Amino acid sequence: MDGGSFQAAADKAFRSQSAITKSIQALEERLGAELLEPGRRTVPTPFGQACLPHLRELLAHHDRTATTLQALVRKDAGSLNLAAITAVAGNWLPAVVRDFMADFPGVRVHLLDDNSQNVERMVLNHEIDFGLASQLATSDELIYEPLLEDAFGVICSRGHALAARSSLAWEELAGLPLIGTTAHRQLEGLPEHRWLEQPFIQVSSMLSLLSLVREGVGVSVMGRLAIPAMAAEGIAFVPLTGPLRTRTVGIVRLARQSPSPAAQEMLTRLRARARALRDAA
């Protein structure tokens, strides 16, 4: 109607004139009334005139929707929700997030830090796009993609007698005031787990754990990467050997859900960062 002719409309829509004619005829049949006057197919009927504002709004809505979806693909808009264990959130993840936000300032990033058990729960509950954690559960609903290997050791205060040791055997944990954490579940089924089965105190918060260790209340077993960079002062890490045991830190996401464009971009960057860390090790 606005173009003044079917040919003009066809050129604007990049379609043939006959295709435009058939589309209008199909719309008239569906609505049950003619939109254009017979014999004067560029002149709207009264019904067609009444439909004009609604059709224009429909086209405008289509354009707005297409623009919004294209912005999501370009990562000019949208959101990214992820959770990570402290081993990641307190060490190398912040630099990756910083660079991502600099490149895609239109994406709202929401980052949570928690233990591996809760990260898996948040993924299963669709609360986050993906998580960075150690694998605890085996579920058909989850995909676990390993990123880094992290060796276990004892953490203690700098003033503790063990702090000067270069390594410890697992059996030397016997009799120590051990602080238990959910991370110890990763050693279940291994002979070394027997030294972790009776902690004198159990904590679920990394902040509580590090504070207790720093104050000399007890010692704990964790991966080297689990010590946040900003909390390393006052805490010593002594590798456990004979045998060396490691845990895997990786990506946890839903098995039957494709990542959003923003999540896919972040996953690509995390994999690249993990490769760099492995190569530097």
Protein backbone atom coordinates (compact mmCIF):
# COMPACT_ATOMS: atom_id res chain seq x y z
CA MET A 1 0.00 0.00 0.00
CA ASP A 2 2.77 2.40 0.96
CA GLY A 3 4.83 1.59 -2.16
CA GLY A 4 2.11 2.57 -4.58
CA SER A 5 2.42 -0.59 -6.69
CA PHE A 6 2.91 -4.32 -6.38
CA GLN A 7 6.21 -4.04 -8.24
CA ALA A 8 7.54 -1.44 -5.79
CA ALA A 9 6.51 -3.68 -2.90
CA ALA A 10 8.15 -6.66 -4.57
CA ASP A 11 11.41 -4.75 -5.09
CA LYS A 12 11.44 -3.62 -1.44
CA ALA A 13 10.82 -7.17 -0.20
CA PHE A 14 13.26 -8.74 -2.68
CA ARG A 15 10.49 -10.97 -3.98
CA SER A 16 8.67 -11.37 -7.28
CA GLN A 17 5.48 -9.45 -7.99
CA SER A 18 3.52 -12.69 -8.28
CA ALA A 19 4.79 -13.80 -4.85
CA ILE A 20 3.57 -10.54 -3.30
CA THR A 21 0.19 -10.92 -5.00
CA LYS A 22 -0.20 -14.49 -3.70
CA SER A 23 0.79 -13.42 -0.18
CA ILE A 24 -1.87 -10.71 -0.09
CA GLN A 25 -4.50 -13.08 -1.49
CA ALA A 26 -3.60 -15.67 1.15
CA LEU A 27 -3.89 -13.05 3.89
CA GLU A 28 -7.29 -11.90 2.59
CA GLU A 29 -8.52 -15.50 2.56
CA ARG A 30 -7.36 -16.03 6.12
CA LEU A 31 -8.93 -12.78 7.36
CA GLY A 32 -12.15 -13.37 5.41
CA ALA A 33 -12.26 -9.92 3.78
CA GLU A 34 -10.51 -8.01 1.02
CA LEU A 35 -7.72 -5.63 1.92
CA LEU A 36 -7.53 -3.94 -1.51
CA GLU A 37 -10.27 -2.72 -3.81
CA PRO A 38 -11.04 -5.09 -6.72
CA GLY A 39 -9.70 -3.61 -9.93
CA ARG A 40 -7.70 -1.02 -7.98
CA ARG A 41 -5.30 -3.22 -6.10
CA THR A 42 -3.23 -0.32 -4.78
CA VAL A 43 -6.22 1.24 -3.00
CA PRO A 44 -7.15 -0.18 0.42
CA THR A 45 -10.72 -1.13 1.22
CA PRO A 46 -12.25 0.36 4.40
CA PHE A 47 -11.32 -2.92 6.09
CA GLY A 48 -7.81 -2.64 4.68
CA GLN A 49 -7.55 0.91 5.94
CA ALA A 50 -8.58 -0.23 9.42
CA CYS A 51 -5.94 -2.97 9.30
CA LEU A 52 -3.11 -0.63 8.31
CA PRO A 53 -2.00 0.52 11.81
CA HIS A 54 -2.11 -3.04 13.11
CA LEU A 55 -0.10 -4.36 10.16
CA ARG A 56 2.44 -1.56 10.52
CA GLU A 57 2.81 -2.37 14.24
CA LEU A 58 3.23 -6.05 13.37
CA LEU A 59 6.05 -5.20 10.97
CA ALA A 60 7.65 -2.87 13.50
CA HIS A 61 7.48 -5.63 16.14
CA HIS A 62 9.14 -8.01 13.67
CA ASP A 63 11.94 -5.51 13.06
CA ARG A 64 12.43 -4.89 16.79
CA THR A 65 12.54 -8.62 17.49
CA ALA A 66 15.03 -9.23 14.67
CA THR A 67 17.23 -6.39 15.94
CA THR A 68 17.16 -7.76 19.50
CA LEU A 69 18.01 -11.29 18.38
CA GLN A 70 20.83 -10.04 16.16
CA ALA A 71 22.21 -8.11 19.14
CA LEU A 72 22.24 -11.33 21.14
CA VAL A 73 24.15 -13.11 18.38
CA ARG A 74 26.64 -10.22 18.17
CA LYS A 75 26.83 -10.24 21.99
CA ASP A 76 25.81 -6.58 22.12
CA ALA A 77 23.09 -7.52 24.63
CA GLY A 78 21.92 -10.35 26.84
CA SER A 79 23.24 -11.88 30.04
CA LEU A 80 25.75 -14.49 31.17
CA ASN A 81 25.29 -16.32 34.47
CA LEU A 82 28.06 -18.56 35.71
CA ALA A 83 29.37 -20.00 38.95
CA ALA A 84 32.85 -21.15 39.89
CA ILE A 85 34.65 -22.77 42.76
CA THR A 86 37.11 -20.52 44.59
CA ALA A 87 40.03 -22.30 42.92
CA VAL A 88 38.90 -20.61 39.72
CA ALA A 89 36.99 -17.54 40.90
CA GLY A 90 39.83 -16.41 43.15
CA ASN A 91 42.66 -16.97 40.68
CA TRP A 92 42.58 -16.88 36.88
CA LEU A 93 38.87 -16.36 36.11
CA PRO A 94 38.72 -12.60 36.95
CA ALA A 95 41.14 -11.72 34.13
CA VAL A 96 39.03 -13.68 31.62
CA VAL A 97 35.85 -11.96 32.82
CA ARG A 98 37.55 -8.55 32.63
CA ASP A 99 38.57 -9.06 29.00
CA PHE A 100 35.14 -10.47 28.08
CA MET A 101 33.33 -7.46 29.56
CA ALA A 102 35.70 -5.06 27.80
CA ASP A 103 34.93 -6.68 24.44
CA PHE A 104 31.17 -7.12 25.07
CA PRO A 105 30.03 -4.33 27.42
CA GLY A 106 26.38 -4.91 26.51
CA VAL A 107 26.33 -8.37 28.12
CA ARG A 108 25.39 -8.42 31.81
CA VAL A 109 27.68 -10.86 33.65
CA HIS A 110 26.58 -12.45 36.93
CA LEU A 111 29.31 -14.46 38.67
CA LEU A 112 28.77 -16.64 41.75
CA ASP A 113 31.40 -18.53 43.72
CA ASP A 114 30.52 -21.69 45.62
CA ASN A 115 31.66 -25.25 46.18
CA SER A 116 31.49 -27.92 43.48
CA GLN A 117 28.36 -29.54 44.90
CA ASN A 118 26.39 -26.29 44.73
CA VAL A 119 27.76 -25.40 41.31
CA GLU A 120 26.41 -28.70 39.95
CA ARG A 121 23.07 -28.04 41.65
CA MET A 122 22.79 -24.58 40.07
CA VAL A 123 23.49 -26.03 36.62
CA LEU A 124 20.84 -28.73 37.07
CA ASN A 125 18.32 -26.13 38.31
CA HIS A 126 18.94 -23.90 35.26
CA GLU A 127 20.14 -21.10 37.56
CA ILE A 128 23.35 -20.55 35.59
CA ASP A 129 24.55 -21.03 32.01
CA PHE A 130 27.43 -23.23 33.14
CA GLY A 131 29.77 -23.76 36.04
CA LEU A 132 33.46 -24.25 36.70
CA ALA A 133 34.02 -26.94 39.29
CA SER A 134 35.38 -30.36 40.12
CA GLN A 135 33.24 -33.30 39.07
CA LEU A 136 31.33 -34.84 41.95
CA ALA A 137 28.20 -36.35 40.41
CA THR A 138 27.87 -38.62 37.40
CA SER A 139 24.66 -37.72 35.61
CA ASP A 140 23.29 -38.09 32.10
CA GLU A 141 21.93 -34.57 32.52
CA LEU A 142 25.39 -33.03 32.80
CA ILE A 143 28.41 -32.66 30.54
CA TYR A 144 31.74 -32.37 32.31
CA GLU A 145 34.67 -31.00 30.28
CA PRO A 146 38.07 -31.15 32.04
CA LEU A 147 40.23 -28.02 31.91
CA LEU A 148 43.04 -28.28 34.48
CA GLU A 149 44.64 -30.80 36.82
CA ASP A 150 45.28 -29.60 40.37
CA ALA A 151 47.53 -31.47 42.85
CA PHE A 152 46.36 -32.02 46.44
CA GLY A 153 48.40 -30.85 49.39
CA VAL A 154 48.11 -29.73 53.00
CA ILE A 155 47.39 -26.10 53.80
CA CYS A 156 48.46 -24.76 57.17
CA SER A 157 49.42 -21.47 58.76
CA ARG A 158 52.88 -20.08 58.01
CA GLY A 159 53.76 -20.59 61.66
CA HIS A 160 52.81 -24.28 61.68
CA ALA A 161 55.56 -26.88 62.10
CA LEU A 162 54.60 -28.46 58.75
CA ALA A 163 55.01 -25.21 56.80
CA ALA A 164 58.76 -25.75 56.35
CA ARG A 165 58.33 -29.20 54.82
CA SER A 166 58.82 -29.70 51.08
CA SER A 167 56.28 -32.54 50.97
CA LEU A 168 54.20 -34.81 53.19
CA ALA A 169 53.07 -38.42 53.02
CA TRP A 170 49.35 -39.06 53.35
CA GLU A 171 49.77 -41.11 56.52
CA GLU A 172 51.28 -38.06 58.24
CA LEU A 173 47.76 -36.60 58.34
CA ALA A 174 46.97 -39.02 61.18
CA GLY A 175 46.47 -37.15 64.42
CA LEU A 176 46.44 -33.70 62.84
CA PRO A 177 43.49 -31.35 63.59
CA LEU A 178 41.93 -31.76 60.16
CA ILE A 179 39.32 -29.34 58.83
CA GLY A 180 36.96 -31.15 56.47
CA THR A 181 35.47 -29.68 53.26
CA THR A 182 33.24 -30.84 50.42
CA ALA A 183 36.37 -31.01 48.23
CA HIS A 184 37.42 -34.15 50.11
CA ARG A 185 34.57 -36.02 48.42
CA GLN A 186 36.72 -36.06 45.28
CA LEU A 187 39.03 -38.57 46.97
CA GLU A 188 36.27 -41.00 47.98
CA GLY A 189 37.04 -44.52 46.82
CA LEU A 190 40.81 -43.95 47.00
CA PRO A 191 42.96 -45.42 49.81
CA GLU A 192 44.09 -41.91 50.82
CA HIS A 193 40.56 -40.91 51.71
CA ARG A 194 40.80 -42.84 54.99
CA TRP A 195 42.98 -40.06 56.37
CA LEU A 196 40.18 -37.55 55.74
CA GLU A 197 37.23 -39.46 57.15
CA GLN A 198 37.23 -38.04 60.68
CA PRO A 199 37.79 -34.28 60.59
CA PHE A 200 37.53 -32.51 63.92
CA ILE A 201 35.53 -29.73 62.26
CA GLN A 202 33.63 -29.51 58.96
CA VAL A 203 33.17 -26.29 56.97
CA SER A 204 31.39 -25.45 53.71
CA SER A 205 32.71 -21.91 53.23
CA MET A 206 36.12 -21.18 51.76
CA LEU A 207 36.29 -17.99 53.82
CA SER A 208 35.76 -19.95 57.04
CA LEU A 209 38.27 -22.60 56.03
CA LEU A 210 41.05 -20.14 55.21
CA SER A 211 40.39 -18.08 58.33
CA LEU A 212 40.60 -21.16 60.57
CA VAL A 213 43.78 -22.33 58.88
CA ARG A 214 45.40 -18.89 59.06
CA GLU A 215 44.65 -18.70 62.79
CA GLY A 216 46.24 -22.09 63.37
CA VAL A 217 43.01 -23.81 64.42
CA GLY A 218 43.73 -26.72 62.10
CA VAL A 219 45.01 -27.86 58.72
CA SER A 220 43.18 -29.06 55.64
CA VAL A 221 43.72 -30.85 52.34
CA MET A 222 42.94 -29.05 49.10
CA GLY A 223 44.24 -28.40 45.61
CA ARG A 224 47.01 -25.86 45.12
CA LEU A 225 44.81 -23.81 42.76
CA ALA A 226 42.08 -23.66 45.40
CA ILE A 227 43.96 -21.07 47.43
CA PRO A 228 42.71 -17.66 46.27
CA ALA A 229 45.55 -15.35 45.25
CA MET A 230 44.33 -12.62 47.62
CA ALA A 231 44.19 -15.06 50.55
CA ALA A 232 47.57 -16.78 50.11
CA GLU A 233 49.34 -14.55 52.63
CA GLY A 234 49.74 -16.33 55.93
CA ILE A 235 49.00 -19.78 54.45
CA ALA A 236 51.50 -22.44 53.40
CA PHE A 237 50.88 -25.23 50.88
CA VAL A 238 52.76 -28.51 51.28
CA PRO A 239 52.33 -31.11 48.48
CA LEU A 240 51.08 -34.55 49.45
CA THR A 241 53.09 -37.32 47.79
CA GLY A 242 53.31 -41.08 47.80
CA PRO A 243 51.13 -41.09 45.80
CA LEU A 244 50.50 -37.73 44.18
CA ARG A 245 46.77 -37.21 43.90
CA THR A 246 45.14 -34.61 41.68
CA ARG A 247 41.67 -33.29 41.08
CA THR A 248 40.28 -32.06 37.80
CA VAL A 249 38.72 -28.63 37.43
CA GLY A 250 36.44 -28.24 34.45
CA ILE A 251 33.28 -26.95 32.83
CA VAL A 252 29.91 -28.28 34.02
CA ARG A 253 26.87 -27.65 31.82
CA LEU A 254 23.58 -29.21 30.82
CA ALA A 255 23.86 -32.07 28.34
CA ARG A 256 20.79 -31.24 26.27
CA GLN A 257 21.06 -27.45 26.11
CA SER A 258 23.17 -25.48 23.65
CA PRO A 259 25.10 -22.52 25.08
CA SER A 260 23.88 -19.01 24.31
CA PRO A 261 26.16 -16.90 22.05
CA ALA A 262 27.54 -15.10 25.12
CA ALA A 263 28.11 -18.37 26.99
CA GLN A 264 29.78 -19.93 23.93
CA GLU A 265 32.16 -16.98 23.67
CA MET A 266 33.07 -17.26 27.36
CA LEU A 267 33.60 -21.02 27.04
CA THR A 268 35.98 -20.45 24.13
CA ARG A 269 37.99 -17.96 26.18
CA LEU A 270 38.10 -20.24 29.23
CA ARG A 271 39.43 -23.12 27.14
CA ALA A 272 42.11 -20.87 25.68
CA ARG A 273 43.11 -19.63 29.15
CA ALA A 274 43.29 -23.18 30.49
CA ARG A 275 45.52 -24.21 27.57
CA ALA A 276 47.85 -21.29 28.35
CA LEU A 277 48.03 -22.29 32.01
CA ARG A 278 48.80 -25.92 31.10
CA ASP A 279 51.52 -24.86 28.66
CA ALA A 280 53.08 -22.59 31.28
CA ALA A 281 53.09 -25.30 33.96
